Amino acid sequence: MKNSMKLFLVLTLIFSGQLMASKLTAPKDAGIIGEQSNGYIGFVKKASKDIKELVKTVNKKRKDRYKAIAKEQKLSLSDVEKIGGKKAIEKTKSGHYIKPTGKGWIKKE
């Protein structure tokens, strides 16, 4: 239980980075990208080169952080990615796209 609380706190901090979040806002508002249950951003529809690079950068940073958290908390990378995905989907604003486990892209209500 104690480790879970730490992990949730750390993941909350990961997704609170305003600079990166602000860069993602326009493509999310346009329905081009969305949050996935695997903890990473995915493409809802065709994206420009700039948006593809942004997503690649953000996903790499997330993976690096997930790996560090997994090592620190003695959890599998997969477990940390799932928790990250759950938190990201929870934080996704209404009207943006999400991709829950086993489902296609849907607009969050």
C-alpha atoms as a PDB file:
ATOM      1  CA  MET A   1       0.000   0.000   0.000  1.00  0.00           C
ATOM      2  CA  LYS A   2       2.775   2.407   0.917  1.00  0.00           C
ATOM      3  CA  ASN A   3       4.559   1.789  -2.405  1.00  0.00           C
ATOM      4  CA  SER A   4       1.319   2.322  -4.308  1.00  0.00           C
ATOM      5  CA  MET A   5       0.829   5.701  -2.664  1.00  0.00           C
ATOM      6  CA  LYS A   6       4.394   6.728  -3.541  1.00  0.00           C
ATOM      7  CA  LEU A   7       3.936   5.548  -7.104  1.00  0.00           C
ATOM      8  CA  PHE A   8       0.704   7.502  -7.548  1.00  0.00           C
ATOM      9  CA  LEU A   9       2.360  10.610  -6.137  1.00  0.00           C
ATOM     10  CA  VAL A  10       5.330  10.277  -8.483  1.00  0.00           C
ATOM     11  CA  LEU A  11       3.099   9.664 -11.496  1.00  0.00           C
ATOM     12  CA  THR A  12       0.974  12.659 -10.597  1.00  0.00           C
ATOM     13  CA  LEU A  13       4.116  14.776 -10.655  1.00  0.00           C
ATOM     14  CA  ILE A  14       5.098  13.350 -14.029  1.00  0.00           C
ATOM     15  CA  PHE A  15       1.897  14.459 -15.657  1.00  0.00           C
ATOM     16  CA  SER A  16       1.805  17.860 -14.008  1.00  0.00           C
ATOM     17  CA  GLY A  17       4.527  19.304 -16.278  1.00  0.00           C
ATOM     18  CA  GLN A  18       2.784  22.354 -17.693  1.00  0.00           C
ATOM     19  CA  LEU A  19       5.247  23.099 -20.494  1.00  0.00           C
ATOM     20  CA  MET A  20       4.876  19.744 -22.228  1.00  0.00           C
ATOM     21  CA  ALA A  21       1.154  19.646 -21.521  1.00  0.00           C
ATOM     22  CA  SER A  22       0.644  23.033 -23.136  1.00  0.00           C
ATOM     23  CA  LYS A  23       2.356  21.860 -26.324  1.00  0.00           C
ATOM     24  CA  LEU A  24      -0.018  18.890 -26.465  1.00  0.00           C
ATOM     25  CA  THR A  25      -3.168  20.959 -25.968  1.00  0.00           C
ATOM     26  CA  ALA A  26      -3.681  22.126 -29.567  1.00  0.00           C
ATOM     27  CA  PRO A  27      -3.272  18.669 -31.168  1.00  0.00           C
ATOM     28  CA  LYS A  28      -5.533  17.177 -28.483  1.00  0.00           C
ATOM     29  CA  ASP A  29      -8.126  19.913 -29.047  1.00  0.00           C
ATOM     30  CA  ALA A  30      -7.976  19.159 -32.787  1.00  0.00           C
ATOM     31  CA  GLY A  31      -8.546  15.444 -32.168  1.00  0.00           C
ATOM     32  CA  ILE A  32      -5.213  14.452 -33.720  1.00  0.00           C
ATOM     33  CA  ILE A  33      -3.709  12.756 -30.654  1.00  0.00           C
ATOM     34  CA  GLY A  34      -5.007  11.208 -27.466  1.00  0.00           C
ATOM     35  CA  GLU A  35      -4.055   9.351 -24.310  1.00  0.00           C
ATOM     36  CA  GLN A  36      -3.840   5.564 -24.345  1.00  0.00           C
ATOM     37  CA  SER A  37      -4.211   3.039 -21.536  1.00  0.00           C
ATOM     38  CA  ASN A  38      -0.620   1.928 -22.144  1.00  0.00           C
ATOM     39  CA  GLY A  39       0.664   5.240 -20.730  1.00  0.00           C
ATOM     40  CA  TYR A  40       1.630   6.827 -24.022  1.00  0.00           C
ATOM     41  CA  ILE A  41       0.150   9.283 -26.498  1.00  0.00           C
ATOM     42  CA  GLY A  42      -1.189   7.858 -29.735  1.00  0.00           C
ATOM     43  CA  PHE A  43      -2.426   9.168 -33.049  1.00  0.00           C
ATOM     44  CA  VAL A  44      -6.172   9.367 -33.526  1.00  0.00           C
ATOM     45  CA  LYS A  45      -5.717  10.527 -37.106  1.00  0.00           C
ATOM     46  CA  LYS A  46      -2.993  11.610 -39.508  1.00  0.00           C
ATOM     47  CA  ALA A  47      -0.549  14.061 -37.967  1.00  0.00           C
ATOM     48  CA  SER A  48       1.953  16.572 -39.288  1.00  0.00           C
ATOM     49  CA  LYS A  49       5.684  15.987 -39.001  1.00  0.00           C
ATOM     50  CA  ASP A  50       5.898  18.475 -36.109  1.00  0.00           C
ATOM     51  CA  ILE A  51       3.187  16.723 -34.120  1.00  0.00           C
ATOM     52  CA  LYS A  52       4.777  13.332 -34.801  1.00  0.00           C
ATOM     53  CA  GLU A  53       8.088  14.645 -33.425  1.00  0.00           C
ATOM     54  CA  LEU A  54       6.358  16.122 -30.370  1.00  0.00           C
ATOM     55  CA  VAL A  55       4.619  12.828 -29.616  1.00  0.00           C
ATOM     56  CA  LYS A  56       7.861  10.906 -30.105  1.00  0.00           C
ATOM     57  CA  THR A  57       9.637  13.233 -27.661  1.00  0.00           C
ATOM     58  CA  VAL A  58       6.880  13.107 -25.048  1.00  0.00           C
ATOM     59  CA  ASN A  59       6.577   9.323 -25.258  1.00  0.00           C
ATOM     60  CA  LYS A  60      10.336   8.902 -24.888  1.00  0.00           C
ATOM     61  CA  LYS A  61      10.356  11.122 -21.802  1.00  0.00           C
ATOM     62  CA  ARG A  62       7.440   9.192 -20.349  1.00  0.00           C
ATOM     63  CA  LYS A  63       9.146   5.862 -20.984  1.00  0.00           C
ATOM     64  CA  ASP A  64      12.355   7.091 -19.362  1.00  0.00           C
ATOM     65  CA  ARG A  65      10.397   8.222 -16.301  1.00  0.00           C
ATOM     66  CA  TYR A  66       8.396   4.991 -16.175  1.00  0.00           C
ATOM     67  CA  LYS A  67      11.645   3.004 -16.235  1.00  0.00           C
ATOM     68  CA  ALA A  68      13.102   5.067 -13.396  1.00  0.00           C
ATOM     69  CA  ILE A  69       9.942   4.682 -11.317  1.00  0.00           C
ATOM     70  CA  ALA A  70       9.796   0.946 -12.019  1.00  0.00           C
ATOM     71  CA  LYS A  71      13.386   0.534 -10.882  1.00  0.00           C
ATOM     72  CA  GLU A  72      12.908   2.699  -7.791  1.00  0.00           C
ATOM     73  CA  GLN A  73       9.636   1.032  -6.770  1.00  0.00           C
ATOM     74  CA  LYS A  74      10.751  -2.474  -7.799  1.00  0.00           C
ATOM     75  CA  LEU A  75       7.812  -2.837 -10.190  1.00  0.00           C
ATOM     76  CA  SER A  76       7.648  -4.008 -13.780  1.00  0.00           C
ATOM     77  CA  LEU A  77       7.747  -1.407 -16.528  1.00  0.00           C
ATOM     78  CA  SER A  78       4.418  -2.751 -17.746  1.00  0.00           C
ATOM     79  CA  ASP A  79       2.777  -2.125 -14.357  1.00  0.00           C
ATOM     80  CA  VAL A  80       4.065   1.451 -14.237  1.00  0.00           C
ATOM     81  CA  GLU A  81       2.922   2.089 -17.832  1.00  0.00           C
ATOM     82  CA  LYS A  82      -0.585   0.849 -16.976  1.00  0.00           C
ATOM     83  CA  ILE A  83      -0.772   3.093 -13.913  1.00  0.00           C
ATOM     84  CA  GLY A  84       0.517   6.017 -15.979  1.00  0.00           C
ATOM     85  CA  GLY A  85      -2.093   5.334 -18.648  1.00  0.00           C
ATOM     86  CA  LYS A  86      -4.874   5.181 -16.071  1.00  0.00           C
ATOM     87  CA  LYS A  87      -3.786   8.494 -14.553  1.00  0.00           C
ATOM     88  CA  ALA A  88      -3.400  10.171 -17.959  1.00  0.00           C
ATOM     89  CA  ILE A  89      -6.867   9.045 -19.049  1.00  0.00           C
ATOM     90  CA  GLU A  90      -8.347  10.250 -15.749  1.00  0.00           C
ATOM     91  CA  LYS A  91      -6.725  13.668 -16.278  1.00  0.00           C
ATOM     92  CA  THR A  92      -7.822  13.919 -19.918  1.00  0.00           C
ATOM     93  CA  LYS A  93     -10.333  16.667 -20.353  1.00  0.00           C
ATOM     94  CA  SER A  94     -13.816  16.057 -21.673  1.00  0.00           C
ATOM     95  CA  GLY A  95     -13.977  16.120 -25.473  1.00  0.00           C
ATOM     96  CA  HIS A  96     -10.432  14.828 -25.948  1.00  0.00           C
ATOM     97  CA  TYR A  97      -9.723  11.341 -27.243  1.00  0.00           C
ATOM     98  CA  ILE A  98      -8.782   8.370 -25.096  1.00  0.00           C
ATOM     99  CA  LYS A  99      -8.066   4.763 -25.951  1.00  0.00           C
ATOM    100  CA  PRO A 100      -9.044   2.468 -23.075  1.00  0.00           C
ATOM    101  CA  THR A 101      -7.680  -1.067 -22.884  1.00  0.00           C
ATOM    102  CA  GLY A 102      -9.244  -3.291 -25.540  1.00  0.00           C
ATOM    103  CA  LYS A 103     -11.179  -0.473 -27.179  1.00  0.00           C
ATOM    104  CA  GLY A 104     -10.724   1.963 -30.026  1.00  0.00           C
ATOM    105  CA  TRP A 105     -10.487   5.715 -29.802  1.00  0.00           C
ATOM    106  CA  ILE A 106     -13.410   7.428 -28.079  1.00  0.00           C
ATOM    107  CA  LYS A 107     -14.123  10.999 -27.012  1.00  0.00           C
ATOM    108  CA  LYS A 108     -14.057  11.328 -23.258  1.00  0.00           C
ATOM    109  CA  GLU A 109     -17.350  12.572 -21.890  1.00  0.00           C
END
